[in-house]
Amino acid sequence: MAFLQRVDGWLWALARLSAAVLMFAAAALVFSNVVLLYVFNYALSWSDELITFGLLWLVFVGGGIAAKQGAHVSMEVLLT
């Protein structure tokens, strides 16, 4: 049981780290692409796809993080 708790801790840390890296990388790519486009009149052709897929993975990883923390939005329609 202790082994599974250690694995869970490592996966939890990996998920949080990967979400932070994906967020930083997407912001850096958007910023660099804007600077390149408006200052040097040159845009990176591959950056839009990489940003899209990075944000898509960020949604998946962030959804898992929010589920573990119980941070998803919920509504109670029927109170018993």
N, C-alpha and C. Protein backbone atom coordinates (compact mmCIF):
# COMPACT_ATOMS: atom_id res chain seq x y z
N MET A 1 0.82 -1.20 0.00
CA MET A 1 0.00 0.00 0.00
C MET A 1 0.86 1.26 0.00
N ALA A 2 1.96 1.21 0.71
CA ALA A 2 2.85 2.37 0.74
C ALA A 2 3.46 2.62 -0.62
N PHE A 3 3.70 1.54 -1.37
CA PHE A 3 4.25 1.69 -2.72
C PHE A 3 3.28 2.45 -3.62
N LEU A 4 1.99 2.11 -3.53
CA LEU A 4 0.99 2.79 -4.35
C LEU A 4 0.83 4.25 -3.96
N GLN A 5 0.98 4.55 -2.68
CA GLN A 5 0.92 5.94 -2.25
C GLN A 5 2.11 6.73 -2.78
N ARG A 6 3.29 6.10 -2.82
CA ARG A 6 4.45 6.78 -3.40
C ARG A 6 4.27 7.00 -4.89
N VAL A 7 3.75 6.00 -5.59
CA VAL A 7 3.49 6.15 -7.03
C VAL A 7 2.47 7.25 -7.27
N ASP A 8 1.42 7.28 -6.44
CA ASP A 8 0.41 8.34 -6.57
C ASP A 8 1.03 9.71 -6.33
N GLY A 9 1.91 9.81 -5.37
CA GLY A 9 2.57 11.09 -5.12
C GLY A 9 3.44 11.53 -6.28
N TRP A 10 4.17 10.59 -6.85
CA TRP A 10 5.00 10.93 -8.01
C TRP A 10 4.15 11.32 -9.22
N LEU A 11 3.06 10.60 -9.46
CA LEU A 11 2.19 10.94 -10.58
C LEU A 11 1.51 12.30 -10.38
N TRP A 12 1.14 12.59 -9.13
CA TRP A 12 0.54 13.87 -8.80
C TRP A 12 1.53 15.01 -9.06
N ALA A 13 2.77 14.82 -8.65
CA ALA A 13 3.80 15.83 -8.88
C ALA A 13 4.09 15.98 -10.37
N LEU A 14 4.11 14.86 -11.08
CA LEU A 14 4.35 14.90 -12.52
C LEU A 14 3.22 15.63 -13.26
N ALA A 15 1.99 15.40 -12.85
CA ALA A 15 0.85 16.06 -13.49
C ALA A 15 0.91 17.57 -13.25
N ARG A 16 1.20 17.97 -12.02
CA ARG A 16 1.28 19.41 -11.74
C ARG A 16 2.45 20.06 -12.47
N LEU A 17 3.59 19.37 -12.53
CA LEU A 17 4.75 19.91 -13.23
C LEU A 17 4.49 20.01 -14.73
N SER A 18 3.87 18.98 -15.30
CA SER A 18 3.60 19.02 -16.73
C SER A 18 2.57 20.09 -17.08
N ALA A 19 1.60 20.33 -16.21
CA ALA A 19 0.64 21.42 -16.46
C ALA A 19 1.35 22.77 -16.43
N ALA A 20 2.26 22.95 -15.50
CA ALA A 20 2.99 24.21 -15.42
C ALA A 20 3.89 24.40 -16.63
N VAL A 21 4.57 23.33 -17.06
CA VAL A 21 5.45 23.43 -18.22
C VAL A 21 4.65 23.70 -19.48
N LEU A 22 3.52 23.03 -19.64
CA LEU A 22 2.69 23.26 -20.82
C LEU A 22 2.15 24.68 -20.85
N MET A 23 1.75 25.21 -19.71
CA MET A 23 1.24 26.58 -19.66
C MET A 23 2.34 27.58 -20.01
N PHE A 24 3.52 27.39 -19.43
CA PHE A 24 4.63 28.29 -19.70
C PHE A 24 5.07 28.20 -21.17
N ALA A 25 5.14 26.99 -21.71
CA ALA A 25 5.56 26.81 -23.10
C ALA A 25 4.56 27.44 -24.07
N ALA A 26 3.28 27.28 -23.81
CA ALA A 26 2.27 27.88 -24.69
C ALA A 26 2.34 29.40 -24.64
N ALA A 27 2.50 29.96 -23.44
CA ALA A 27 2.60 31.42 -23.33
C ALA A 27 3.86 31.94 -24.01
N ALA A 28 4.98 31.22 -23.85
CA ALA A 28 6.22 31.64 -24.48
C ALA A 28 6.14 31.56 -25.99
N LEU A 29 5.50 30.50 -26.50
CA LEU A 29 5.36 30.38 -27.96
C LEU A 29 4.45 31.46 -28.53
N VAL A 30 3.36 31.76 -27.86
CA VAL A 30 2.47 32.81 -28.33
C VAL A 30 3.19 34.16 -28.32
N PHE A 31 3.89 34.45 -27.24
CA PHE A 31 4.62 35.71 -27.14
C PHE A 31 5.69 35.82 -28.22
N SER A 32 6.47 34.75 -28.40
CA SER A 32 7.53 34.81 -29.40
C SER A 32 6.97 34.91 -30.82
N ASN A 33 5.87 34.25 -31.07
CA ASN A 33 5.27 34.32 -32.40
C ASN A 33 4.72 35.72 -32.69
N VAL A 34 4.13 36.36 -31.67
CA VAL A 34 3.63 37.73 -31.86
C VAL A 34 4.79 38.68 -32.11
N VAL A 35 5.86 38.55 -31.34
CA VAL A 35 7.02 39.42 -31.54
C VAL A 35 7.63 39.20 -32.91
N LEU A 36 7.80 37.95 -33.31
CA LEU A 36 8.36 37.66 -34.63
C LEU A 36 7.48 38.20 -35.74
N LEU A 37 6.16 38.09 -35.58
CA LEU A 37 5.27 38.52 -36.64
C LEU A 37 5.23 40.04 -36.78
N TYR A 38 5.12 40.75 -35.67
CA TYR A 38 4.94 42.19 -35.76
C TYR A 38 6.24 42.98 -35.76
N VAL A 39 7.32 42.40 -35.33
CA VAL A 39 8.60 43.11 -35.35
C VAL A 39 9.42 42.74 -36.58
N PHE A 40 9.50 41.45 -36.86
CA PHE A 40 10.36 40.99 -37.96
C PHE A 40 9.58 40.56 -39.20
N ASN A 41 8.26 40.64 -39.15
CA ASN A 41 7.39 40.26 -40.26
C ASN A 41 7.64 38.80 -40.69
N TYR A 42 7.83 37.94 -39.70
CA TYR A 42 8.06 36.52 -39.93
C TYR A 42 7.33 35.74 -38.84
N ALA A 43 6.60 34.72 -39.24
CA ALA A 43 5.88 33.91 -38.25
C ALA A 43 6.34 32.46 -38.35
N LEU A 44 6.37 31.80 -37.21
CA LEU A 44 6.71 30.38 -37.19
C LEU A 44 5.50 29.59 -37.65
N SER A 45 5.68 28.80 -38.68
CA SER A 45 4.53 28.08 -39.26
C SER A 45 4.05 26.95 -38.36
N TRP A 46 4.92 26.37 -37.57
CA TRP A 46 4.58 25.21 -36.76
C TRP A 46 4.08 25.59 -35.37
N SER A 47 4.21 26.84 -34.98
CA SER A 47 3.89 27.19 -33.59
C SER A 47 2.39 27.13 -33.29
N ASP A 48 1.55 27.45 -34.25
CA ASP A 48 0.11 27.41 -34.01
C ASP A 48 -0.38 26.00 -33.68
N GLU A 49 0.12 25.01 -34.43
CA GLU A 49 -0.29 23.63 -34.14
C GLU A 49 0.26 23.17 -32.81
N LEU A 50 1.50 23.52 -32.50
CA LEU A 50 2.08 23.11 -31.23
C LEU A 50 1.35 23.75 -30.06
N ILE A 51 0.96 25.01 -30.19
CA ILE A 51 0.20 25.68 -29.14
C ILE A 51 -1.17 25.02 -28.97
N THR A 52 -1.82 24.68 -30.07
CA THR A 52 -3.13 24.04 -30.00
C THR A 52 -3.06 22.70 -29.29
N PHE A 53 -2.10 21.87 -29.68
CA PHE A 53 -1.97 20.55 -29.05
C PHE A 53 -1.50 20.67 -27.61
N GLY A 54 -0.66 21.66 -27.32
CA GLY A 54 -0.22 21.87 -25.95
C GLY A 54 -1.37 22.28 -25.04
N LEU A 55 -2.22 23.17 -25.54
CA LEU A 55 -3.38 23.59 -24.75
C LEU A 55 -4.39 22.46 -24.60
N LEU A 56 -4.51 21.63 -25.62
CA LEU A 56 -5.39 20.47 -25.52
C LEU A 56 -4.91 19.52 -24.43
N TRP A 57 -3.62 19.23 -24.39
CA TRP A 57 -3.06 18.39 -23.33
C TRP A 57 -3.18 19.07 -21.98
N LEU A 58 -3.06 20.39 -21.96
CA LEU A 58 -3.21 21.12 -20.71
C LEU A 58 -4.63 20.96 -20.15
N VAL A 59 -5.62 20.94 -21.02
CA VAL A 59 -7.00 20.71 -20.58
C VAL A 59 -7.16 19.32 -19.98
N PHE A 60 -6.57 18.31 -20.64
CA PHE A 60 -6.67 16.94 -20.12
C PHE A 60 -5.96 16.80 -18.78
N VAL A 61 -4.74 17.30 -18.68
CA VAL A 61 -3.99 17.18 -17.44
C VAL A 61 -4.64 18.03 -16.34
N GLY A 62 -5.09 19.23 -16.69
CA GLY A 62 -5.76 20.09 -15.72
C GLY A 62 -7.08 19.52 -15.25
N GLY A 63 -7.77 18.80 -16.11
CA GLY A 63 -9.00 18.13 -15.69
C GLY A 63 -8.73 17.06 -14.66
N GLY A 64 -7.65 16.32 -14.84
CA GLY A 64 -7.28 15.32 -13.86
C GLY A 64 -6.88 15.93 -12.54
N ILE A 65 -6.16 17.04 -12.60
CA ILE A 65 -5.75 17.74 -11.38
C ILE A 65 -6.98 18.27 -10.65
N ALA A 66 -7.89 18.86 -11.40
CA ALA A 66 -9.11 19.40 -10.77
C ALA A 66 -9.97 18.29 -10.19
N ALA A 67 -10.01 17.14 -10.85
CA ALA A 67 -10.79 16.02 -10.32
C ALA A 67 -10.20 15.51 -9.01
N LYS A 68 -8.89 15.43 -8.93
CA LYS A 68 -8.26 14.94 -7.69
C LYS A 68 -8.46 15.92 -6.55
N GLN A 69 -8.47 17.22 -6.84
CA GLN A 69 -8.66 18.23 -5.80
C GLN A 69 -10.13 18.47 -5.49
N GLY A 70 -11.03 17.93 -6.30
CA GLY A 70 -12.46 18.16 -6.10
C GLY A 70 -12.86 19.57 -6.49
N ALA A 71 -12.20 20.12 -7.50
CA ALA A 71 -12.41 21.51 -7.87
C ALA A 71 -13.32 21.67 -9.09
N HIS A 72 -13.89 20.59 -9.60
CA HIS A 72 -14.81 20.73 -10.72
C HIS A 72 -16.09 21.41 -10.26
N VAL A 73 -16.71 22.14 -11.15
CA VAL A 73 -17.96 22.81 -10.83
C VAL A 73 -19.06 21.77 -10.73
N SER A 74 -19.83 21.85 -9.68
CA SER A 74 -20.93 20.89 -9.53
C SER A 74 -22.18 21.64 -9.08
N MET A 75 -23.30 21.09 -9.43
CA MET A 75 -24.58 21.67 -9.05
C MET A 75 -25.43 20.58 -8.42
N GLU A 76 -26.10 20.92 -7.36
CA GLU A 76 -27.01 19.98 -6.73
C GLU A 76 -28.43 20.41 -7.08
N VAL A 77 -29.08 19.57 -7.86
CA VAL A 77 -30.43 19.89 -8.29
C VAL A 77 -31.45 19.42 -7.28
N LEU A 78 -31.28 18.20 -6.81
CA LEU A 78 -32.21 17.63 -5.86
C LEU A 78 -31.53 17.47 -4.50
N LEU A 79 -32.11 18.06 -3.52
CA LEU A 79 -31.58 17.90 -2.15
C LEU A 79 -32.43 16.85 -1.46
N THR A 80 -31.81 15.84 -0.89
CA THR A 80 -32.58 14.79 -0.22
C THR A 80 -32.42 14.87 1.26
